[in-house]
Amino acid sequence: MLIHAKTDSRSITGCAIFWRGLDEKWGVAILAVLSEGSLRYSELSRCLHCVSQRMLTLNLRKLERDGLIERTVTPTIRRMSSTH
């Protein structure tokens, strides 16, 4: 899963939603980190080590709902470990 900041906030409505996202305590920090480029959740979590996993998830969901970030889910193949 990759998370990146959206760059098409040109409308007045988009700007209002953007400022609402900055109102959140961690919204600014998340957007600042994502402005450098797309990150996987675990990479973003490591960059924002002072934010709990729950708060990071809640803030990411809110920013995604407001249209400020976009999440891309990519299928992965998990390694199967078996013991015989």
Protein backbone atom coordinates (compact mmCIF):
# COMPACT_ATOMS: atom_id res chain seq x y z
CA MET A 1 0.00 0.00 0.00
CA LEU A 2 1.40 3.38 -1.01
CA ILE A 3 0.18 6.65 0.42
CA HIS A 4 0.84 10.00 -1.25
CA ALA A 5 -0.37 13.58 -1.02
CA LYS A 6 -2.73 14.70 -3.76
CA THR A 7 -1.64 17.75 -5.70
CA ASP A 8 -4.92 18.86 -7.28
CA SER A 9 -6.30 21.12 -4.49
CA ARG A 10 -7.03 24.08 -6.76
CA SER A 11 -10.67 24.81 -6.04
CA ILE A 12 -12.04 26.89 -3.18
CA THR A 13 -13.68 23.77 -1.76
CA GLY A 14 -10.36 21.93 -2.03
CA CYS A 15 -8.61 24.73 -0.16
CA ALA A 16 -11.21 24.72 2.61
CA ILE A 17 -10.82 20.96 3.04
CA PHE A 18 -7.03 21.37 2.97
CA TRP A 19 -7.11 23.90 5.83
CA ARG A 20 -9.48 21.66 7.77
CA GLY A 21 -6.92 18.84 7.41
CA LEU A 22 -4.23 21.10 8.81
CA ASP A 23 -6.40 21.74 11.83
CA GLU A 24 -5.69 18.22 13.06
CA LYS A 25 -2.69 17.81 15.36
CA TRP A 26 -0.87 15.29 13.16
CA GLY A 27 -2.32 16.36 9.78
CA VAL A 28 0.47 18.86 9.15
CA ALA A 29 3.20 16.36 10.04
CA ILE A 30 1.69 13.64 7.84
CA LEU A 31 1.30 15.97 4.86
CA ALA A 32 4.82 17.32 5.35
CA VAL A 33 6.31 13.83 5.25
CA LEU A 34 4.19 12.81 2.25
CA SER A 35 5.16 15.96 0.37
CA GLU A 36 8.57 14.31 -0.14
CA GLY A 37 6.95 11.41 -2.01
CA SER A 38 4.88 8.26 -1.66
CA LEU A 39 5.54 6.00 1.31
CA ARG A 40 4.32 2.64 2.51
CA TYR A 41 2.41 2.69 5.81
CA SER A 42 5.34 1.19 7.72
CA GLU A 43 7.76 3.76 6.27
CA LEU A 44 5.41 6.59 7.20
CA SER A 45 5.04 5.14 10.68
CA ARG A 46 8.83 5.07 11.11
CA CYS A 47 9.11 8.71 9.99
CA LEU A 48 6.45 9.71 12.51
CA HIS A 49 7.61 7.49 15.36
CA CYS A 50 6.03 9.72 18.01
CA VAL A 51 2.52 9.09 16.59
CA SER A 52 0.75 5.94 17.81
CA GLN A 53 -0.42 3.45 15.19
CA ARG A 54 -4.06 4.16 16.06
CA MET A 55 -3.69 7.94 15.70
CA LEU A 56 -1.76 7.58 12.45
CA THR A 57 -4.46 5.32 11.01
CA LEU A 58 -7.28 7.63 12.13
CA ASN A 59 -5.56 10.71 10.68
CA LEU A 60 -4.73 8.95 7.40
CA ARG A 61 -8.37 7.89 7.02
CA LYS A 62 -9.56 11.44 7.66
CA LEU A 63 -7.06 12.95 5.21
CA GLU A 64 -8.06 10.36 2.60
CA ARG A 65 -11.77 11.04 3.20
CA ASP A 66 -11.12 14.78 2.77
CA GLY A 67 -9.30 14.10 -0.50
CA LEU A 68 -5.88 15.33 0.67
CA ILE A 69 -4.09 12.01 0.31
CA GLU A 70 -4.58 8.98 -1.86
CA ARG A 71 -3.97 5.36 -0.96
CA THR A 72 -2.98 2.79 -3.56
CA VAL A 73 -3.26 -0.87 -2.61
CA THR A 74 -0.94 -3.15 -4.53
CA PRO A 75 -1.30 -6.91 -4.38
CA THR A 76 1.65 -8.68 -2.81
CA ILE A 77 2.62 -12.30 -2.61
CA ARG A 78 3.28 -13.38 0.94
CA ARG A 79 6.00 -15.89 1.57
CA MET A 80 4.67 -19.10 2.96
CA SER A 81 6.87 -20.69 5.57
CA SER A 82 6.29 -24.27 6.37
CA THR A 83 7.98 -26.72 8.63
CA HIS A 84 8.15 -30.37 7.74
